[in-house]
C-alpha atoms as a PDB file:
ATOM      1  CA  MET A   1     -59.243 213.757 -64.944  1.00  0.00           C
ATOM      2  CA  THR A   2     -57.319 210.756 -66.282  1.00  0.00           C
ATOM      3  CA  ASP A   3     -53.703 209.801 -65.646  1.00  0.00           C
ATOM      4  CA  GLU A   4     -52.570 209.172 -69.217  1.00  0.00           C
ATOM      5  CA  SER A   5     -49.658 206.976 -68.112  1.00  0.00           C
ATOM      6  CA  ASN A   6     -51.913 204.150 -66.969  1.00  0.00           C
ATOM      7  CA  GLY A   7     -55.439 205.184 -67.851  1.00  0.00           C
ATOM      8  CA  ALA A   8     -56.498 205.631 -64.196  1.00  0.00           C
ATOM      9  CA  THR A   9     -58.419 208.631 -62.952  1.00  0.00           C
ATOM     10  CA  GLN A  10     -57.193 210.609 -59.958  1.00  0.00           C
ATOM     11  CA  TRP A  11     -59.956 209.251 -57.726  1.00  0.00           C
ATOM     12  CA  GLN A  12     -58.942 205.725 -58.679  1.00  0.00           C
ATOM     13  CA  GLU A  13     -55.330 206.460 -57.761  1.00  0.00           C
ATOM     14  CA  ARG A  14     -56.444 207.905 -54.413  1.00  0.00           C
ATOM     15  CA  THR A  15     -58.622 204.866 -53.755  1.00  0.00           C
ATOM     16  CA  VAL A  16     -55.770 202.463 -54.478  1.00  0.00           C
ATOM     17  CA  GLU A  17     -53.420 204.500 -52.303  1.00  0.00           C
ATOM     18  CA  ARG A  18     -55.871 204.452 -49.374  1.00  0.00           C
ATOM     19  CA  SER A  19     -56.499 200.741 -49.863  1.00  0.00           C
ATOM     20  CA  LEU A  20     -52.778 199.935 -49.859  1.00  0.00           C
ATOM     21  CA  LYS A  21     -52.217 202.115 -46.812  1.00  0.00           C
ATOM     22  CA  SER A  22     -55.046 200.363 -44.970  1.00  0.00           C
ATOM     23  CA  ALA A  23     -53.718 196.920 -45.952  1.00  0.00           C
ATOM     24  CA  ARG A  24     -50.224 197.887 -44.780  1.00  0.00           C
ATOM     25  CA  GLN A  25     -51.539 199.044 -41.410  1.00  0.00           C
ATOM     26  CA  ARG A  26     -53.522 195.806 -40.975  1.00  0.00           C
ATOM     27  CA  ALA A  27     -50.479 193.716 -41.868  1.00  0.00           C
ATOM     28  CA  ILE A  28     -48.297 195.565 -39.353  1.00  0.00           C
ATOM     29  CA  SER A  29     -50.971 195.274 -36.656  1.00  0.00           C
ATOM     30  CA  ARG A  30     -51.340 191.519 -37.187  1.00  0.00           C
ATOM     31  CA  GLY A  31     -47.578 191.134 -37.289  1.00  0.00           C
ATOM     32  CA  HIS A  32     -47.400 192.844 -33.899  1.00  0.00           C
ATOM     33  CA  GLN A  33     -49.979 190.383 -32.556  1.00  0.00           C
ATOM     34  CA  PHE A  34     -47.783 187.452 -33.545  1.00  0.00           C
ATOM     35  CA  ILE A  35     -44.746 189.181 -32.028  1.00  0.00           C
ATOM     36  CA  ALA A  36     -46.662 189.772 -28.774  1.00  0.00           C
ATOM     37  CA  ALA A  37     -47.655 186.097 -28.687  1.00  0.00           C
ATOM     38  CA  ALA A  38     -43.995 185.100 -29.130  1.00  0.00           C
ATOM     39  CA  VAL A  39     -42.985 187.367 -26.237  1.00  0.00           C
ATOM     40  CA  GLU A  40     -45.595 185.711 -23.987  1.00  0.00           C
ATOM     41  CA  LEU A  41     -44.247 182.268 -24.877  1.00  0.00           C
ATOM     42  CA  LEU A  42     -40.658 183.386 -24.278  1.00  0.00           C
ATOM     43  CA  ARG A  43     -41.750 184.755 -20.915  1.00  0.00           C
ATOM     44  CA  THR A  44     -43.402 181.452 -20.014  1.00  0.00           C
ATOM     45  CA  THR A  45     -40.555 179.106 -20.930  1.00  0.00           C
ATOM     46  CA  GLY A  46     -37.441 181.283 -21.077  1.00  0.00           C
ATOM     47  CA  LYS A  47     -36.634 179.509 -24.344  1.00  0.00           C
ATOM     48  CA  ALA A  48     -37.376 179.943 -28.033  1.00  0.00           C
ATOM     49  CA  ASP A  49     -38.268 176.280 -28.556  1.00  0.00           C
ATOM     50  CA  PHE A  50     -41.987 176.836 -29.024  1.00  0.00           C
ATOM     51  CA  THR A  51     -43.687 175.953 -32.309  1.00  0.00           C
ATOM     52  CA  VAL A  52     -45.382 178.126 -34.895  1.00  0.00           C
ATOM     53  CA  GLN A  53     -48.677 176.458 -33.937  1.00  0.00           C
ATOM     54  CA  GLU A  54     -48.211 177.558 -30.331  1.00  0.00           C
ATOM     55  CA  VAL A  55     -47.660 181.129 -31.514  1.00  0.00           C
ATOM     56  CA  VAL A  56     -50.782 180.918 -33.643  1.00  0.00           C
ATOM     57  CA  ASP A  57     -52.845 179.503 -30.759  1.00  0.00           C
ATOM     58  CA  ARG A  58     -51.592 182.193 -28.379  1.00  0.00           C
ATOM     59  CA  SER A  59     -52.289 184.977 -30.894  1.00  0.00           C
ATOM     60  CA  GLY A  60     -55.829 183.830 -31.620  1.00  0.00           C
ATOM     61  CA  MET A  61     -55.209 184.080 -35.356  1.00  0.00           C
ATOM     62  CA  SER A  62     -54.834 181.448 -38.046  1.00  0.00           C
ATOM     63  CA  LEU A  63     -51.870 179.471 -39.310  1.00  0.00           C
ATOM     64  CA  ARG A  64     -52.591 180.824 -42.777  1.00  0.00           C
ATOM     65  CA  SER A  65     -52.384 184.365 -41.441  1.00  0.00           C
ATOM     66  CA  PHE A  66     -49.067 183.604 -39.763  1.00  0.00           C
ATOM     67  CA  TYR A  67     -47.477 182.466 -43.015  1.00  0.00           C
ATOM     68  CA  GLN A  68     -48.833 185.519 -44.785  1.00  0.00           C
ATOM     69  CA  HIS A  69     -46.692 187.605 -42.428  1.00  0.00           C
ATOM     70  CA  PHE A  70     -43.672 185.429 -41.590  1.00  0.00           C
ATOM     71  CA  ALA A  71     -41.994 182.692 -43.611  1.00  0.00           C
ATOM     72  CA  THR A  72     -40.683 180.849 -40.523  1.00  0.00           C
ATOM     73  CA  LYS A  73     -40.506 181.093 -36.744  1.00  0.00           C
ATOM     74  CA  ASP A  74     -36.993 182.501 -37.125  1.00  0.00           C
ATOM     75  CA  ASP A  75     -38.432 185.320 -39.246  1.00  0.00           C
ATOM     76  CA  LEU A  76     -40.889 186.087 -36.459  1.00  0.00           C
ATOM     77  CA  LEU A  77     -38.152 186.157 -33.827  1.00  0.00           C
ATOM     78  CA  LEU A  78     -35.955 188.243 -36.111  1.00  0.00           C
ATOM     79  CA  ALA A  79     -38.788 190.779 -36.228  1.00  0.00           C
ATOM     80  CA  LEU A  80     -38.964 190.675 -32.429  1.00  0.00           C
ATOM     81  CA  VAL A  81     -35.227 191.412 -32.180  1.00  0.00           C
ATOM     82  CA  GLU A  82     -35.637 194.350 -34.575  1.00  0.00           C
ATOM     83  CA  GLU A  83     -38.553 195.729 -32.552  1.00  0.00           C
ATOM     84  CA  THR A  84     -36.626 195.334 -29.289  1.00  0.00           C
ATOM     85  CA  VAL A  85     -33.578 197.175 -30.603  1.00  0.00           C
ATOM     86  CA  GLN A  86     -35.679 200.010 -32.018  1.00  0.00           C
ATOM     87  CA  GLN A  87     -37.532 200.388 -28.713  1.00  0.00           C
ATOM     88  CA  HIS A  88     -34.290 200.396 -26.703  1.00  0.00           C
ATOM     89  CA  VAL A  89     -32.743 203.099 -28.870  1.00  0.00           C
ATOM     90  CA  ALA A  90     -35.904 205.207 -28.881  1.00  0.00           C
ATOM     91  CA  ALA A  91     -36.234 204.946 -25.091  1.00  0.00           C
ATOM     92  CA  ALA A  92     -32.604 205.959 -24.564  1.00  0.00           C
ATOM     93  CA  ARG A  93     -32.687 208.788 -27.083  1.00  0.00           C
ATOM     94  CA  GLY A  94     -34.413 211.269 -24.780  1.00  0.00           C
ATOM     95  CA  GLN A  95     -31.714 210.901 -22.136  1.00  0.00           C
ATOM     96  CA  VAL A  96     -28.940 211.066 -24.737  1.00  0.00           C
ATOM     97  CA  ASP A  97     -30.331 214.191 -26.396  1.00  0.00           C
ATOM     98  CA  ALA A  98     -30.554 215.948 -23.027  1.00  0.00           C
ATOM     99  CA  GLU A  99     -26.731 216.030 -22.977  1.00  0.00           C
ATOM    100  CA  SER A 100     -24.393 217.980 -25.250  1.00  0.00           C
ATOM    101  CA  ASP A 101     -20.939 216.677 -24.319  1.00  0.00           C
ATOM    102  CA  PRO A 102     -20.089 213.439 -26.208  1.00  0.00           C
ATOM    103  CA  ALA A 103     -18.813 211.664 -23.072  1.00  0.00           C
ATOM    104  CA  ALA A 104     -22.000 212.590 -21.204  1.00  0.00           C
ATOM    105  CA  ARG A 105     -24.116 211.481 -24.173  1.00  0.00           C
ATOM    106  CA  LEU A 106     -22.395 208.110 -24.317  1.00  0.00           C
ATOM    107  CA  SER A 107     -22.718 207.716 -20.545  1.00  0.00           C
ATOM    108  CA  ALA A 108     -26.443 208.429 -20.795  1.00  0.00           C
ATOM    109  CA  LEU A 109     -26.867 205.919 -23.620  1.00  0.00           C
ATOM    110  CA  LEU A 110     -24.964 203.117 -21.910  1.00  0.00           C
ATOM    111  CA  THR A 111     -26.710 203.736 -18.578  1.00  0.00           C
ATOM    112  CA  ALA A 112     -30.130 203.674 -20.245  1.00  0.00           C
ATOM    113  CA  MET A 113     -29.337 200.533 -22.220  1.00  0.00           C
ATOM    114  CA  PHE A 114     -27.759 198.756 -19.266  1.00  0.00           C
ATOM    115  CA  GLY A 115     -30.673 199.573 -16.990  1.00  0.00           C
ATOM    116  CA  SER A 116     -33.397 198.689 -19.491  1.00  0.00           C
ATOM    117  CA  PRO A 117     -36.192 196.777 -17.696  1.00  0.00           C
ATOM    118  CA  GLU A 118     -36.221 194.272 -20.561  1.00  0.00           C
ATOM    119  CA  THR A 119     -32.891 192.878 -19.364  1.00  0.00           C
ATOM    120  CA  ASP A 120     -34.674 191.494 -16.286  1.00  0.00           C
ATOM    121  CA  ASP A 121     -37.657 190.183 -18.265  1.00  0.00           C
ATOM    122  CA  PRO A 122     -37.845 186.343 -18.413  1.00  0.00           C
ATOM    123  CA  ALA A 123     -38.404 186.693 -22.153  1.00  0.00           C
ATOM    124  CA  SER A 124     -34.917 188.171 -22.493  1.00  0.00           C
ATOM    125  CA  ARG A 125     -33.234 184.833 -21.796  1.00  0.00           C
ATOM    126  CA  GLY A 126     -34.943 183.126 -24.703  1.00  0.00           C
ATOM    127  CA  LEU A 127     -34.273 186.121 -26.919  1.00  0.00           C
ATOM    128  CA  ALA A 128     -30.574 186.157 -25.969  1.00  0.00           C
ATOM    129  CA  LEU A 129     -30.276 182.470 -26.844  1.00  0.00           C
ATOM    130  CA  PHE A 130     -32.001 183.087 -30.162  1.00  0.00           C
ATOM    131  CA  GLN A 131     -29.682 186.002 -30.953  1.00  0.00           C
ATOM    132  CA  TRP A 132     -26.673 183.707 -30.679  1.00  0.00           C
ATOM    133  CA  HIS A 133     -28.393 181.288 -33.059  1.00  0.00           C
ATOM    134  CA  LEU A 134     -29.287 184.161 -35.385  1.00  0.00           C
ATOM    135  CA  ALA A 135     -25.735 185.528 -35.384  1.00  0.00           C
ATOM    136  CA  ASP A 136     -24.547 182.106 -36.553  1.00  0.00           C
ATOM    137  CA  SER A 137     -27.261 181.166 -39.045  1.00  0.00           C
ATOM    138  CA  ARG A 138     -28.294 184.539 -40.486  1.00  0.00           C
ATOM    139  CA  THR A 139     -25.280 186.721 -39.893  1.00  0.00           C
ATOM    140  CA  GLU A 140     -26.097 189.585 -42.247  1.00  0.00           C
ATOM    141  CA  GLU A 141     -29.668 189.902 -41.013  1.00  0.00           C
ATOM    142  CA  PHE A 142     -28.490 189.846 -37.412  1.00  0.00           C
ATOM    143  CA  ALA A 143     -25.961 192.576 -38.183  1.00  0.00           C
ATOM    144  CA  ALA A 144     -28.773 194.672 -39.641  1.00  0.00           C
ATOM    145  CA  THR A 145     -30.869 194.337 -36.474  1.00  0.00           C
ATOM    146  CA  ILE A 146     -28.132 195.867 -34.289  1.00  0.00           C
ATOM    147  CA  GLN A 147     -27.312 198.656 -36.753  1.00  0.00           C
ATOM    148  CA  PRO A 148     -29.396 201.218 -34.806  1.00  0.00           C
ATOM    149  CA  TYR A 149     -27.072 200.644 -31.822  1.00  0.00           C
ATOM    150  CA  LEU A 150     -24.012 201.136 -34.014  1.00  0.00           C
ATOM    151  CA  ASP A 151     -25.471 204.230 -35.674  1.00  0.00           C
ATOM    152  CA  THR A 152     -26.322 205.868 -32.355  1.00  0.00           C
ATOM    153  CA  VAL A 153     -22.970 205.098 -30.748  1.00  0.00           C
ATOM    154  CA  GLY A 154     -21.162 206.057 -33.955  1.00  0.00           C
ATOM    155  CA  GLU A 155     -22.845 209.459 -34.011  1.00  0.00           C
ATOM    156  CA  ILE A 156     -21.682 210.140 -30.448  1.00  0.00           C
ATOM    157  CA  VAL A 157     -18.155 208.816 -30.965  1.00  0.00           C
ATOM    158  CA  GLU A 158     -17.711 210.817 -34.159  1.00  0.00           C
ATOM    159  CA  ALA A 159     -18.635 214.022 -32.314  1.00  0.00           C
ATOM    160  CA  GLY A 160     -16.183 213.108 -29.532  1.00  0.00           C
ATOM    161  CA  VAL A 161     -13.365 212.568 -32.023  1.00  0.00           C
ATOM    162  CA  ALA A 162     -14.186 215.868 -33.703  1.00  0.00           C
ATOM    163  CA  ASN A 163     -13.948 217.884 -30.477  1.00  0.00           C
ATOM    164  CA  GLY A 164     -10.929 216.007 -29.171  1.00  0.00           C
ATOM    165  CA  SER A 165     -12.581 214.274 -26.221  1.00  0.00           C
ATOM    166  CA  PHE A 166     -12.187 210.839 -27.846  1.00  0.00           C
ATOM    167  CA  ARG A 167      -9.120 209.303 -29.452  1.00  0.00           C
ATOM    168  CA  ALA A 168      -8.567 209.585 -33.188  1.00  0.00           C
ATOM    169  CA  ASP A 169      -6.040 206.779 -33.760  1.00  0.00           C
ATOM    170  CA  ILE A 170      -8.791 204.147 -34.153  1.00  0.00           C
ATOM    171  CA  GLY A 171     -11.583 204.499 -36.693  1.00  0.00           C
ATOM    172  CA  VAL A 172     -15.035 205.542 -35.506  1.00  0.00           C
ATOM    173  CA  PRO A 173     -16.720 202.363 -36.897  1.00  0.00           C
ATOM    174  CA  VAL A 174     -14.248 200.161 -35.005  1.00  0.00           C
ATOM    175  CA  MET A 175     -14.648 202.047 -31.723  1.00  0.00           C
ATOM    176  CA  SER A 176     -18.437 201.971 -32.109  1.00  0.00           C
ATOM    177  CA  THR A 177     -18.351 198.221 -32.727  1.00  0.00           C
ATOM    178  CA  LEU A 178     -16.182 197.656 -29.657  1.00  0.00           C
ATOM    179  CA  VAL A 179     -18.592 199.617 -27.460  1.00  0.00           C
ATOM    180  CA  VAL A 180     -21.726 197.914 -28.824  1.00  0.00           C
ATOM    181  CA  GLN A 181     -20.287 194.401 -28.732  1.00  0.00           C
ATOM    182  CA  THR A 182     -19.004 194.914 -25.196  1.00  0.00           C
ATOM    183  CA  LEU A 183     -22.415 196.136 -24.053  1.00  0.00           C
ATOM    184  CA  MET A 184     -24.295 193.321 -25.787  1.00  0.00           C
ATOM    185  CA  SER A 185     -21.945 190.650 -24.447  1.00  0.00           C
ATOM    186  CA  ILE A 186     -22.228 191.895 -20.867  1.00  0.00           C
ATOM    187  CA  LEU A 187     -26.020 192.093 -21.082  1.00  0.00           C
ATOM    188  CA  ASP A 188     -26.313 188.637 -22.664  1.00  0.00           C
ATOM    189  CA  MET A 189     -24.107 187.106 -19.972  1.00  0.00           C
ATOM    190  CA  ARG A 190     -26.190 188.821 -17.285  1.00  0.00           C
ATOM    191  CA  VAL A 191     -29.471 187.609 -18.781  1.00  0.00           C
ATOM    192  CA  LEU A 192     -28.130 184.061 -19.152  1.00  0.00           C
ATOM    193  CA  GLY A 193     -26.706 184.052 -15.621  1.00  0.00           C
ATOM    194  CA  VAL A 194     -23.143 183.449 -16.797  1.00  0.00           C
ATOM    195  CA  GLY A 195     -20.506 184.553 -14.312  1.00  0.00           C
ATOM    196  CA  ALA A 196     -23.017 185.194 -11.535  1.00  0.00           C
ATOM    197  CA  GLY A 197     -21.207 185.543  -8.214  1.00  0.00           C
ATOM    198  CA  THR A 198     -17.809 186.237  -9.811  1.00  0.00           C
ATOM    199  CA  GLY A 199     -18.261 189.989 -10.022  1.00  0.00           C
ATOM    200  CA  VAL A 200     -21.346 192.073 -10.706  1.00  0.00           C
ATOM    201  CA  VAL A 201     -20.853 194.569 -13.523  1.00  0.00           C
ATOM    202  CA  THR A 202     -22.779 197.776 -12.873  1.00  0.00           C
ATOM    203  CA  ALA A 203     -23.860 200.441 -15.327  1.00  0.00           C
ATOM    204  CA  ASP A 204     -21.174 202.757 -13.935  1.00  0.00           C
ATOM    205  CA  ASP A 205     -18.535 200.048 -14.450  1.00  0.00           C
ATOM    206  CA  MET A 206     -19.651 199.714 -18.057  1.00  0.00           C
ATOM    207  CA  VAL A 207     -19.542 203.467 -18.640  1.00  0.00           C
ATOM    208  CA  GLN A 208     -16.104 203.914 -17.097  1.00  0.00           C
ATOM    209  CA  TRP A 209     -14.676 200.939 -18.988  1.00  0.00           C
ATOM    210  CA  CYS A 210     -15.888 202.202 -22.364  1.00  0.00           C
ATOM    211  CA  LEU A 211     -14.892 205.813 -21.732  1.00  0.00           C
ATOM    212  CA  SER A 212     -11.405 204.777 -20.649  1.00  0.00           C
ATOM    213  CA  GLY A 213     -10.963 203.029 -23.979  1.00  0.00           C
ATOM    214  CA  LEU A 214     -12.291 205.987 -25.969  1.00  0.00           C
ATOM    215  CA  ARG A 215     -10.381 208.808 -24.310  1.00  0.00           C
ATOM    216  CA  PRO A 216      -7.112 209.982 -25.901  1.00  0.00           C
ATOM    217  CA  ARG A 217      -3.965 208.419 -24.503  1.00  0.00           C
ATOM    218  CA  ALA A 218      -1.379 210.563 -22.774  1.00  0.00           C
ATOM    219  CA  GLY A 219       0.758 212.269 -25.379  1.00  0.00           C
ATOM    220  CA  ASP A 220      -1.707 211.828 -28.262  1.00  0.00           C
ATOM    221  CA  ALA A 221      -2.263 215.574 -28.519  1.00  0.00           C
ATOM    222  CA  ASP A 222       1.465 216.305 -28.793  1.00  0.00           C
END
């Protein structure tokens, strides 16, 4: 049977579809290999000052293959940031979804994010430094990488506003941004060793600080 729109038979369409699916899976797999090589280099040096050639050598693939997947080293590290954020959110989701109360859900999310083993990984220092560079040089793309954090927090905050456990005088997007930026700043400072010895911020401190800002003020319900 022929598809009259383009002259292709159904088997041809199926073949192309399978071929494209296979090519997509190979591209993603090879992309992950380059990302894994970048993580190893970050772990070794604690910095993102390695070269594309070093990534290629560590991955065991070719320079040509690298540029088929990533335009620059920054593109590779941007992909690593995206992967890291997605993994953090996915790992925390189980603990968040085990709770029903918005305050408990936010507490679970912040505790999971704050206690993520990646924050103590030597690779995190180099990634934190790169994120600051990314926020300056590719602002919109950086904003997109942290959107999963904002979406998850926003979902929880919106439910809290709806049931009255969180304040309603500040917009949900603003409150979500304040929570996410506070969390990211604290974690970056911890990874970079800034403020060490002047006061250790614990996960419980972080939770209580954020919840105190989200809860309705006295008299708001009147």
